[in-house]
């Protein structure tokens, strides 16, 4: 089997597998994106406040 036939066979199999995928709707995708952005913002806020607290505590300890 030459390389061209292998490549063609690979692309055919990829097409078959992609037809089996359950793709999200636009509304589901937008909802998931919103959740990811909100959770990322909350985690950034939490880590930022945690870092600020430790920075101030450690600056008082090492004075």
N, C-alpha and C. Protein backbone atom coordinates (compact mmCIF):
# COMPACT_ATOMS: atom_id res chain seq x y z
N UNK A 1 0.85 -1.19 0.00
CA UNK A 1 0.00 0.00 0.00
C UNK A 1 0.90 1.24 0.00
N UNK A 2 0.71 2.08 -0.98
CA UNK A 2 1.56 3.27 -1.03
C UNK A 2 1.04 4.36 -0.10
N UNK A 3 1.83 5.38 0.03
CA UNK A 3 1.52 6.43 1.00
C UNK A 3 0.26 7.21 0.62
N UNK A 4 0.00 7.37 -0.68
CA UNK A 4 -1.19 8.09 -1.11
C UNK A 4 -2.46 7.34 -0.71
N UNK A 5 -2.46 6.02 -0.88
CA UNK A 5 -3.63 5.22 -0.50
C UNK A 5 -3.83 5.24 1.01
N UNK A 6 -2.74 5.20 1.78
CA UNK A 6 -2.84 5.26 3.24
C UNK A 6 -3.44 6.58 3.69
N UNK A 7 -2.98 7.65 3.07
CA UNK A 7 -3.47 8.97 3.42
C UNK A 7 -4.95 9.11 3.06
N UNK A 8 -5.33 8.63 1.89
CA UNK A 8 -6.73 8.68 1.47
C UNK A 8 -7.60 7.86 2.41
N UNK A 9 -7.13 6.68 2.77
CA UNK A 9 -7.87 5.83 3.70
C UNK A 9 -8.02 6.51 5.06
N UNK A 10 -6.96 7.16 5.52
CA UNK A 10 -7.00 7.88 6.78
C UNK A 10 -8.07 8.99 6.74
N UNK A 11 -8.07 9.78 5.68
CA UNK A 11 -9.05 10.86 5.57
C UNK A 11 -10.48 10.32 5.51
N UNK A 12 -10.68 9.21 4.84
CA UNK A 12 -12.00 8.59 4.77
C UNK A 12 -12.45 8.16 6.17
N UNK A 13 -11.56 7.57 6.93
CA UNK A 13 -11.90 7.13 8.29
C UNK A 13 -12.17 8.31 9.21
N UNK A 14 -11.42 9.39 9.04
CA UNK A 14 -11.65 10.60 9.83
C UNK A 14 -13.04 11.15 9.55
N UNK A 15 -13.42 11.18 8.29
CA UNK A 15 -14.75 11.68 7.91
C UNK A 15 -15.85 10.82 8.55
N UNK A 16 -15.66 9.51 8.55
CA UNK A 16 -16.64 8.61 9.16
C UNK A 16 -16.76 8.86 10.66
N UNK A 17 -15.61 9.01 11.33
CA UNK A 17 -15.63 9.24 12.78
C UNK A 17 -16.24 10.59 13.13
N UNK A 18 -15.95 11.62 12.32
CA UNK A 18 -16.51 12.95 12.59
C UNK A 18 -18.03 12.97 12.39
N UNK A 19 -18.54 12.10 11.53
CA UNK A 19 -20.00 12.05 11.35
C UNK A 19 -20.68 11.46 12.58
N UNK A 20 -19.95 10.76 13.43
CA UNK A 20 -20.50 10.16 14.64
C UNK A 20 -20.51 11.13 15.84
N UNK A 21 -19.82 12.25 15.70
CA UNK A 21 -19.69 13.20 16.80
C UNK A 21 -21.01 13.93 17.02
N UNK A 22 -21.36 14.13 18.28
CA UNK A 22 -22.54 14.90 18.63
C UNK A 22 -22.10 16.35 18.88
N UNK A 23 -22.33 17.21 17.90
CA UNK A 23 -21.90 18.59 17.99
C UNK A 23 -22.87 19.41 18.82
N UNK A 24 -22.35 20.36 19.59
CA UNK A 24 -23.19 21.24 20.40
C UNK A 24 -23.90 22.25 19.52
N UNK A 25 -25.07 22.68 20.01
CA UNK A 25 -25.78 23.75 19.30
C UNK A 25 -25.13 25.08 19.67
N UNK A 26 -25.47 26.11 18.92
CA UNK A 26 -24.91 27.44 19.20
C UNK A 26 -25.30 27.90 20.61
N UNK A 27 -26.54 27.63 21.01
CA UNK A 27 -27.02 28.05 22.33
C UNK A 27 -26.25 27.31 23.44
N UNK A 28 -26.01 26.01 23.28
CA UNK A 28 -25.25 25.26 24.27
C UNK A 28 -23.82 25.77 24.35
N UNK A 29 -23.24 26.08 23.21
CA UNK A 29 -21.87 26.59 23.17
C UNK A 29 -21.77 27.94 23.86
N UNK A 30 -22.74 28.82 23.62
CA UNK A 30 -22.73 30.14 24.25
C UNK A 30 -22.91 30.01 25.77
N UNK A 31 -23.78 29.11 26.21
CA UNK A 31 -23.98 28.89 27.64
C UNK A 31 -22.72 28.36 28.31
N UNK A 32 -22.07 27.41 27.67
CA UNK A 32 -20.83 26.85 28.23
C UNK A 32 -19.73 27.90 28.28
N UNK A 33 -19.64 28.71 27.24
CA UNK A 33 -18.64 29.77 27.21
C UNK A 33 -18.87 30.77 28.34
N UNK A 34 -20.12 31.13 28.57
CA UNK A 34 -20.45 32.05 29.66
C UNK A 34 -20.05 31.47 31.01
N UNK A 35 -20.34 30.19 31.23
CA UNK A 35 -19.98 29.54 32.49
C UNK A 35 -18.47 29.55 32.68
N UNK A 36 -17.72 29.25 31.64
CA UNK A 36 -16.26 29.23 31.73
C UNK A 36 -15.73 30.62 32.07
N UNK A 37 -16.25 31.65 31.43
CA UNK A 37 -15.79 33.02 31.70
C UNK A 37 -16.11 33.43 33.13
N UNK A 38 -17.31 33.13 33.61
CA UNK A 38 -17.70 33.50 34.97
C UNK A 38 -16.85 32.76 36.00
N UNK A 39 -16.67 31.46 35.82
CA UNK A 39 -15.87 30.67 36.77
C UNK A 39 -14.43 31.15 36.76
N UNK A 40 -13.89 31.47 35.59
CA UNK A 40 -12.52 31.98 35.50
C UNK A 40 -12.39 33.30 36.24
N UNK A 41 -13.37 34.19 36.09
CA UNK A 41 -13.33 35.48 36.79
C UNK A 41 -13.41 35.28 38.30
N UNK A 42 -14.29 34.39 38.75
CA UNK A 42 -14.42 34.14 40.20
C UNK A 42 -13.13 33.55 40.76
N UNK A 43 -12.53 32.60 40.05
CA UNK A 43 -11.27 32.00 40.52
C UNK A 43 -10.14 33.03 40.54
N UNK A 44 -10.08 33.89 39.53
CA UNK A 44 -9.06 34.94 39.50
C UNK A 44 -9.24 35.89 40.68
N UNK A 45 -10.47 36.24 40.98
CA UNK A 45 -10.75 37.12 42.12
C UNK A 45 -10.35 36.44 43.42
N UNK A 46 -10.70 35.18 43.58
CA UNK A 46 -10.37 34.42 44.78
C UNK A 46 -8.85 34.32 44.96
N UNK A 47 -8.15 33.95 43.91
CA UNK A 47 -6.69 33.80 43.99
C UNK A 47 -6.03 35.16 44.23
N UNK A 48 -6.56 36.20 43.61
CA UNK A 48 -6.02 37.54 43.82
C UNK A 48 -6.17 38.00 45.26
N UNK A 49 -7.34 37.78 45.84
CA UNK A 49 -7.57 38.16 47.24
C UNK A 49 -6.72 37.32 48.19
N UNK A 50 -6.59 36.04 47.89
CA UNK A 50 -5.76 35.14 48.68
C UNK A 50 -4.30 35.61 48.65
N UNK A 51 -3.82 35.95 47.45
CA UNK A 51 -2.44 36.42 47.28
C UNK A 51 -2.23 37.74 48.02
N UNK A 52 -3.17 38.65 47.91
CA UNK A 52 -3.06 39.93 48.59
C UNK A 52 -3.02 39.76 50.11
N UNK A 53 -3.86 38.86 50.61
CA UNK A 53 -3.89 38.60 52.06
C UNK A 53 -2.55 38.04 52.53
N UNK A 54 -2.04 37.03 51.84
CA UNK A 54 -0.76 36.46 52.23
C UNK A 54 0.39 37.44 52.11
N UNK A 55 0.34 38.29 51.09
CA UNK A 55 1.39 39.30 50.92
C UNK A 55 1.41 40.25 52.11
N UNK A 56 0.24 40.70 52.51
CA UNK A 56 0.19 41.63 53.66
C UNK A 56 0.57 40.94 54.96
N UNK A 57 0.14 39.71 55.17
CA UNK A 57 0.49 38.97 56.38
C UNK A 57 2.00 38.74 56.45
N UNK A 58 2.57 38.31 55.34
CA UNK A 58 4.01 38.04 55.32
C UNK A 58 4.83 39.32 55.45
N UNK A 59 4.34 40.42 54.92
CA UNK A 59 5.08 41.67 55.06
C UNK A 59 5.06 42.14 56.53
N UNK A 60 3.98 41.85 57.25
CA UNK A 60 3.95 42.18 58.68
C UNK A 60 4.87 41.25 59.49
N UNK A 61 4.93 39.99 59.11
CA UNK A 61 5.75 39.00 59.83
C UNK A 61 7.23 39.31 59.64
N UNK A 62 7.63 39.67 58.42
CA UNK A 62 9.05 39.85 58.13
C UNK A 62 9.52 41.29 58.30
N UNK A 63 8.76 42.13 58.90
CA UNK A 63 9.17 43.51 59.14
C UNK A 63 10.23 43.64 60.15
